[in-house]
Protein backbone atom coordinates (compact mmCIF):
# COMPACT_ATOMS: atom_id res chain seq x y z
CA MET A 1 109.81 88.62 99.87
CA SER A 2 106.81 86.82 101.19
CA THR A 3 103.16 88.50 100.86
CA ALA A 4 102.55 86.59 104.04
CA ARG A 5 104.86 88.63 106.43
CA VAL A 6 103.71 88.98 109.95
CA THR A 7 104.64 91.92 111.93
CA ASP A 8 106.53 91.22 115.20
CA SER A 9 104.49 94.10 116.92
CA ILE A 10 101.14 95.33 115.95
CA SER A 11 100.54 99.09 116.02
CA PHE A 12 97.40 101.05 116.99
CA ALA A 13 95.86 104.16 115.67
CA TYR A 14 92.47 105.75 116.31
CA TRP A 15 90.50 107.97 113.85
CA VAL A 16 90.54 111.76 115.06
CA PRO A 17 86.81 113.06 115.48
CA ASN A 18 87.66 116.42 113.80
CA VAL A 19 84.18 116.46 112.12
CA SER A 20 80.87 116.74 113.95
CA GLY A 21 78.58 113.87 114.68
CA GLY A 22 81.17 111.15 115.53
CA LEU A 23 82.09 108.27 113.57
CA VAL A 24 78.48 106.66 113.14
CA VAL A 25 75.70 108.02 111.55
CA SER A 26 73.23 107.33 114.32
CA ASP A 27 70.95 109.45 116.77
CA ILE A 28 72.28 107.34 119.53
CA GLU A 29 73.69 109.30 122.52
CA GLN A 30 77.46 109.84 122.32
CA THR A 31 79.82 112.09 124.17
CA THR A 32 82.52 112.36 121.51
CA ASP A 33 83.19 116.00 120.67
CA TRP A 34 84.86 117.48 117.48
CA GLY A 35 86.40 120.39 119.04
CA ILE A 36 90.13 121.25 119.49
CA ASP A 37 90.05 121.10 123.08
CA TYR A 38 88.76 117.75 123.43
CA ASN A 39 91.06 116.37 120.72
CA ARG A 40 94.02 117.70 122.32
CA ARG A 41 93.09 115.67 125.65
CA LEU A 42 92.25 112.75 123.45
CA ALA A 43 95.79 112.84 121.73
CA ARG A 44 97.67 113.08 124.85
CA THR A 45 95.60 110.07 126.59
CA ALA A 46 96.25 108.11 123.28
CA GLU A 47 99.82 108.23 123.39
CA GLN A 48 100.04 107.62 127.14
CA ILE A 49 98.26 104.50 126.79
CA GLY A 50 100.05 102.84 123.67
CA PHE A 51 98.58 104.36 120.84
CA ASP A 52 101.27 104.98 117.83
CA TYR A 53 98.93 106.96 115.45
CA ALA A 54 96.26 109.28 115.11
CA LEU A 55 94.48 109.71 111.64
CA THR A 56 92.66 113.19 111.12
CA GLN A 57 89.82 112.96 108.50
CA VAL A 58 89.33 115.33 105.51
CA ARG A 59 86.05 116.76 104.92
CA TYR A 60 85.26 120.21 102.95
CA LEU A 61 81.59 119.94 103.11
CA GLY A 62 78.79 118.93 105.56
CA SER A 63 77.77 115.63 104.46
CA TYR A 64 76.91 112.33 105.68
CA GLY A 65 75.77 113.38 109.15
CA ALA A 66 78.68 115.63 109.77
CA GLU A 67 77.42 119.35 109.18
CA SER A 68 80.94 120.87 110.71
CA GLN A 69 84.42 119.94 109.91
CA HIS A 70 87.76 121.18 111.05
CA GLU A 71 90.62 121.03 108.01
CA SER A 72 93.00 118.07 108.26
CA VAL A 73 96.36 119.38 108.18
CA SER A 74 96.12 122.32 110.29
CA PHE A 75 94.30 120.07 112.94
CA SER A 76 96.99 117.80 112.69
CA LEU A 77 99.74 120.10 113.25
CA ALA A 78 97.87 121.21 116.57
CA LEU A 79 97.54 117.57 117.92
CA LEU A 80 101.13 117.32 116.90
CA GLU A 81 101.72 120.59 119.06
CA ALA A 82 99.74 118.92 122.00
CA THR A 83 101.71 115.52 122.16
CA GLU A 84 105.42 114.17 122.53
CA ARG A 85 105.28 110.53 120.84
CA LEU A 86 102.41 110.32 118.85
CA ARG A 87 102.34 110.35 115.08
CA VAL A 88 99.59 112.12 113.35
CA ILE A 89 98.20 111.41 109.81
CA ALA A 90 96.64 114.14 107.75
CA ALA A 91 94.53 113.08 104.99
CA VAL A 92 94.76 114.99 101.68
CA HIS A 93 93.16 115.10 98.52
CA PRO A 94 95.26 115.19 95.16
CA GLY A 95 93.51 117.52 92.77
CA LEU A 96 92.99 119.94 95.82
CA TRP A 97 96.79 120.13 96.66
CA HIS A 98 99.76 120.52 94.60
CA PRO A 99 102.10 117.80 95.90
CA ALA A 100 105.31 119.86 95.64
CA VAL A 101 103.42 122.53 97.96
CA LEU A 102 102.64 119.79 100.36
CA ALA A 103 105.93 118.38 100.38
CA ASN A 104 107.17 121.58 101.52
CA LEU A 105 104.72 121.78 104.26
CA ALA A 106 105.48 118.31 105.30
CA THR A 107 109.28 118.79 105.30
CA THR A 108 108.69 121.48 107.74
CA ALA A 109 106.20 119.88 109.90
CA GLY A 110 108.46 116.98 110.27
CA GLU A 111 111.32 119.08 111.39
CA LEU A 112 109.13 120.92 113.87
CA TYR A 113 107.51 117.69 115.12
CA ASP A 114 110.61 115.10 115.32
CA GLY A 115 109.23 113.38 112.17
CA ARG A 116 105.79 112.54 113.40
CA PHE A 117 103.74 114.10 110.57
CA ALA A 118 102.54 111.64 107.85
CA LEU A 119 100.22 112.18 105.09
CA ASN A 120 97.19 109.85 103.83
CA VAL A 121 96.53 110.27 100.26
CA VAL A 122 92.89 109.62 99.59
CA SER A 123 91.31 110.12 96.16
CA GLY A 124 88.19 111.36 96.89
CA TRP A 125 84.58 110.30 96.94
CA LEU A 126 82.64 113.26 97.41
CA ARG A 127 82.01 114.90 93.89
CA GLU A 128 80.44 117.99 95.46
CA GLU A 129 83.56 118.83 96.97
CA PHE A 130 85.44 118.94 93.78
CA ARG A 131 82.25 120.76 92.00
CA LYS A 132 82.13 123.59 94.58
CA PHE A 133 85.61 124.35 94.32
CA GLY A 134 85.59 124.48 90.61
CA GLU A 135 88.02 121.49 90.19
CA PRO A 136 87.38 118.62 87.54
CA TRP A 137 85.83 115.43 88.79
CA LEU A 138 87.61 112.56 87.53
CA GLU A 139 86.14 108.82 87.13
CA HIS A 140 87.33 106.36 89.42
CA ASP A 141 90.37 105.13 87.86
CA GLU A 142 91.78 108.19 86.59
CA ARG A 143 91.29 109.74 90.51
CA TYR A 144 93.74 106.74 91.46
CA ARG A 145 96.12 107.55 88.41
CA ARG A 146 96.31 110.97 89.74
CA SER A 147 97.10 109.71 93.31
CA ALA A 148 99.81 107.61 91.76
CA GLU A 149 101.38 110.54 90.41
CA PHE A 150 100.87 112.47 93.51
CA LEU A 151 102.53 110.05 95.64
CA GLN A 152 105.45 109.60 93.06
CA VAL A 153 106.16 113.43 93.19
CA LEU A 154 106.08 113.29 97.09
CA ARG A 155 108.65 110.28 97.01
CA ALA A 156 110.74 112.19 94.44
CA ILE A 157 111.08 115.44 96.53
CA PHE A 158 111.70 113.49 99.85
CA SER A 159 114.32 111.11 98.46
CA GLY A 160 116.59 113.47 96.83
CA ASP A 161 117.84 116.91 95.23
CA HIS A 162 116.84 117.91 91.53
CA ALA A 163 113.69 115.91 91.22
CA GLU A 164 112.04 115.27 88.02
CA PHE A 165 108.72 114.20 87.11
CA SER A 166 106.61 114.30 83.88
CA GLY A 167 103.26 113.03 84.21
CA ASP A 168 99.82 113.78 82.90
CA PHE A 169 98.49 115.61 86.13
CA TYR A 170 101.91 116.68 87.51
CA ARG A 171 105.36 117.88 86.39
CA LEU A 172 108.55 118.84 88.18
CA HIS A 173 111.53 120.11 86.60
CA ASP A 174 114.94 119.91 88.69
CA TYR A 175 113.29 120.72 92.00
CA SER A 176 114.84 120.51 95.42
CA VAL A 177 113.31 120.99 98.75
CA SER A 178 115.78 122.66 101.25
CA PRO A 179 116.44 121.72 103.94
CA ARG A 180 115.93 118.13 103.13
CA PRO A 181 113.78 116.33 105.51
CA THR A 182 115.86 114.39 108.33
CA THR A 183 113.20 111.52 107.98
CA ALA A 184 110.78 111.44 105.13
CA PRO A 185 107.08 111.70 106.14
CA GLU A 186 105.61 108.50 105.79
CA LEU A 187 102.98 108.27 103.02
CA PHE A 188 99.54 106.48 103.41
CA GLN A 189 97.17 105.25 100.64
CA GLY A 190 93.60 104.66 101.28
CA GLY A 191 91.36 102.35 99.06
CA ASN A 192 89.97 98.92 98.31
CA SER A 193 90.14 98.96 94.31
CA SER A 194 92.57 96.91 92.21
CA ALA A 195 93.68 100.62 91.21
CA ALA A 196 94.25 101.49 94.87
CA GLN A 197 96.31 98.32 95.41
CA VAL A 198 98.71 99.23 92.72
CA ASN A 199 99.44 102.38 94.24
CA GLY A 200 99.80 101.24 97.83
CA GLY A 201 102.14 98.50 96.72
CA ARG A 202 104.24 100.48 94.16
CA TYR A 203 104.37 104.05 95.85
CA ALA A 204 102.89 104.15 99.51
CA ASP A 205 104.67 103.01 103.00
CA TRP A 206 101.42 102.00 104.03
CA TYR A 207 98.12 100.91 102.80
CA PHE A 208 94.61 101.57 104.51
CA LEU A 209 91.81 98.97 104.00
CA ASN A 210 88.21 99.52 104.68
CA GLY A 211 87.07 97.27 107.40
CA ALA A 212 86.11 93.65 106.39
CA PRO A 213 86.17 89.94 107.81
CA VAL A 214 89.64 88.29 107.84
CA ASP A 215 89.38 86.18 104.69
CA GLU A 216 88.40 89.17 102.64
CA LEU A 217 91.10 91.37 104.09
CA ALA A 218 93.75 88.40 103.55
CA ASP A 219 92.88 88.77 99.68
CA GLN A 220 93.48 92.16 99.56
CA ILE A 221 96.62 92.30 101.41
CA ALA A 222 98.17 89.66 99.27
CA GLN A 223 97.49 91.83 96.33
CA VAL A 224 98.79 94.79 97.72
CA ARG A 225 102.02 92.66 98.73
CA ARG A 226 102.55 91.34 95.04
CA HIS A 227 102.52 94.79 93.94
CA ALA A 228 105.10 95.69 96.37
CA GLU A 229 107.24 92.65 95.80
CA LYS A 230 107.30 93.15 91.90
CA ALA A 231 108.37 96.73 92.61
CA GLY A 232 111.14 95.35 94.97
CA ARG A 233 110.04 97.51 98.22
CA GLU A 234 107.52 96.55 100.92
CA THR A 235 104.12 98.14 101.95
CA LYS A 236 102.80 97.87 105.57
CA ILE A 237 98.91 97.19 105.99
CA GLY A 238 96.58 99.11 108.26
CA VAL A 239 92.95 98.15 108.75
CA ASN A 240 89.98 100.25 110.05
CA ALA A 241 87.75 98.57 112.72
CA PHE A 242 85.10 99.91 115.06
CA VAL A 243 85.49 99.14 118.46
CA ILE A 244 82.73 98.00 120.89
CA LEU A 245 84.26 96.50 124.00
CA ASP A 246 82.04 95.00 126.75
CA ASP A 247 82.06 92.86 129.67
CA SER A 248 80.00 89.99 127.57
CA GLU A 249 79.57 89.50 124.04
CA ALA A 250 75.88 89.97 124.47
CA GLY A 251 76.09 93.43 125.67
CA ALA A 252 78.68 94.41 122.87
CA HIS A 253 76.28 93.14 120.25
CA ALA A 254 73.21 95.01 121.93
CA ARG A 255 75.07 98.22 121.65
CA LEU A 256 75.76 97.53 117.78
CA ARG A 257 71.99 96.92 117.42
CA GLU A 258 71.02 100.04 119.13
CA ILE A 259 73.70 102.22 117.09
CA ILE A 260 72.21 100.57 113.79
CA ASP A 261 68.49 100.71 114.93
CA ARG A 262 68.91 104.52 115.50
CA ALA A 263 70.65 105.22 112.45
CA ASP A 264 70.05 108.27 110.60
CA ARG A 265 68.36 106.59 107.41
CA ASP A 266 68.27 109.63 105.13
CA ALA A 267 71.94 110.57 105.86
CA VAL A 268 73.11 106.95 105.62
CA GLU A 269 71.19 106.53 102.06
CA GLY A 270 72.50 109.61 100.94
CA PHE A 271 75.90 108.62 101.60
CA ALA A 272 75.22 105.44 99.93
CA GLU A 273 74.24 107.04 96.99
CA SER A 274 77.36 109.47 96.80
CA VAL A 275 79.94 106.67 97.33
CA ARG A 276 78.22 104.49 94.69
CA GLN A 277 80.37 105.78 91.98
CA ALA A 278 83.32 105.48 94.26
CA GLY A 279 83.58 101.52 94.03
CA GLN A 280 81.10 100.16 91.65
CA SER A 281 82.40 102.49 88.95
CA SER A 282 85.90 101.09 89.40
CA SER A 283 87.16 99.02 86.18
CA ASP A 284 86.56 95.90 87.94
CA GLY A 285 83.68 96.79 90.25
CA LYS A 286 85.92 96.18 93.49
CA GLY A 287 86.49 99.56 94.91
CA MET A 288 85.47 100.74 98.55
CA TRP A 289 81.86 100.35 99.44
CA ALA A 290 80.79 98.54 96.22
CA ASN A 291 79.28 95.72 98.46
CA SER A 292 78.71 97.41 101.53
CA SER A 293 74.88 97.02 103.11
CA PHE A 294 72.85 99.78 104.73
CA GLU A 295 74.09 98.34 108.09
CA ASP A 296 77.62 98.44 107.14
CA LEU A 297 77.64 101.99 105.95
CA VAL A 298 76.16 103.26 109.36
CA GLN A 299 79.81 103.47 110.22
CA TYR A 300 81.80 105.01 107.29
CA ASN A 301 84.85 102.62 106.16
CA ASP A 302 82.73 99.53 107.07
CA GLY A 303 84.30 99.53 110.70
CA PHE A 304 81.70 96.88 112.13
CA ARG A 305 82.69 94.31 109.47
CA THR A 306 86.29 93.65 111.00
CA GLY A 307 84.82 92.23 114.09
CA LEU A 308 86.32 94.05 117.18
CA ILE A 309 82.92 93.71 118.94
CA GLY A 310 82.82 91.72 121.92
CA THR A 311 84.83 91.15 125.41
CA ALA A 312 88.57 91.87 125.57
CA GLU A 313 89.18 88.36 124.88
CA GLN A 314 87.37 88.18 121.79
CA ILE A 315 88.90 91.36 120.49
CA THR A 316 92.40 90.40 121.32
CA ASP A 317 91.84 86.98 119.61
CA ARG A 318 90.72 89.00 116.39
CA ILE A 319 93.39 91.22 116.58
CA SER A 320 95.60 87.97 116.56
CA GLU A 321 94.09 86.72 113.51
CA LEU A 322 94.51 89.98 111.79
CA ARG A 323 98.16 90.19 112.62
CA GLU A 324 98.57 86.51 111.27
CA ILE A 325 97.21 87.64 108.03
CA GLY A 326 99.68 90.49 107.70
CA VAL A 327 98.18 93.45 109.26
CA ASP A 328 100.65 96.01 110.66
CA LEU A 329 98.41 98.41 112.09
CA VAL A 330 94.62 98.38 113.67
CA LEU A 331 92.92 101.71 112.96
CA THR A 332 90.28 102.07 115.56
CA GLY A 333 87.19 104.16 116.06
CA TYR A 334 84.62 104.65 118.88
CA LEU A 335 81.55 105.77 120.11
CA ASN A 336 82.44 107.85 122.94
CA PHE A 337 85.97 108.26 122.32
CA GLN A 338 87.78 109.46 125.64
CA GLU A 339 86.11 106.81 127.57
CA GLU A 340 86.42 103.81 125.45
CA LEU A 341 89.75 104.77 123.87
CA GLU A 342 91.02 104.48 127.52
CA ARG A 343 89.46 101.31 127.98
CA PHE A 344 90.89 99.93 124.73
CA GLY A 345 94.40 100.92 126.18
CA ARG A 346 94.04 99.45 129.62
CA GLU A 347 92.31 96.05 128.37
CA ILE A 348 93.66 95.53 125.17
CA ILE A 349 96.85 97.39 124.12
CA ALA A 350 98.77 97.18 127.59
CA PRO A 351 98.14 93.26 127.81
CA LEU A 352 99.52 92.95 124.24
CA ARG A 353 102.50 95.12 124.71
CA ALA A 354 103.38 93.02 127.76
CA SER A 355 103.34 89.96 126.12
CA GLU A 356 105.38 91.39 123.47
CA THR A 357 108.33 92.31 126.08
CA PRO A 358 111.11 89.68 125.82
CA VAL A 359 111.96 88.39 129.21
CA PRO A 360 115.47 89.14 129.84
CA SER A 361 118.03 86.14 130.22
CA PRO A 362 119.34 85.37 133.90
CA VAL A 363 122.55 86.73 134.68
CA PRO A 364 125.10 84.01 134.95
């Protein structure tokens, strides 16, 4: 199995704005709304214009400029109810969910919504969430070791009857879910660290990366695919990117500059302090946000760094570069979601889909 696999057709996802404040920690004016009615309309628009997935965020505390939040799993089910084809990924924290309980929920959701419900296993970066819930806070590599067990339990339950698992965090004894899922929910693993790469390669269907330049992404993708190859399996790759699409390159970068210039400095610096442990305390110091600058952190998950900022032609070229290094899915975020997501669909997704459509052979 080659670590340099190139997908035939790249997929697109968008961040669900189910927390207040949008996707940038800035006082810049924006029309994005975190409410359910706005998000139902957004989800219907997204599937109509060619998006494949939506990713619902998980927050349990007001933080990082987002004082209010809707819970990810229940919000995801509401978006599935509002759509027909869109796949919705709910982010979940090991340590706050039991994997067998979640497996039952995901199985039922999959039956209700034609296999469109998926899970993103995130190991957690906000210590205060665990402290306020009275749950133990684990250091970085231990959190990812718990996530590895979490993923293995889910896979064991989804793959067959009489599941057994004996780990340090979770145990199963002759457990079966009935009815069995017709289609096993897709499992995503987020992260950037070496521990996260191991989990993604060995146990997840998809691996989500923070935004980064192409050369950095290529190195990480190769590592994940090596772990998958050793395990005799394949993991697809998703990459985060914040999109600023404009008629001119200068206009797009002027908008980026405005977002950063109007950043909420206290909130960004507070976030930087909160996540420092998440990245720099990993065993090799290569985790998420380990090397992120203040400007990078104005968009959580380093979305500016991927470079989907410019004209439609420039953004399309960058997506082609991402595809060439093995990216299967681009996870997009926007300042004004409804308007900008629609434009991205018209000017980026539609032309790409048209170019991928095979030309039928003439009838002899």
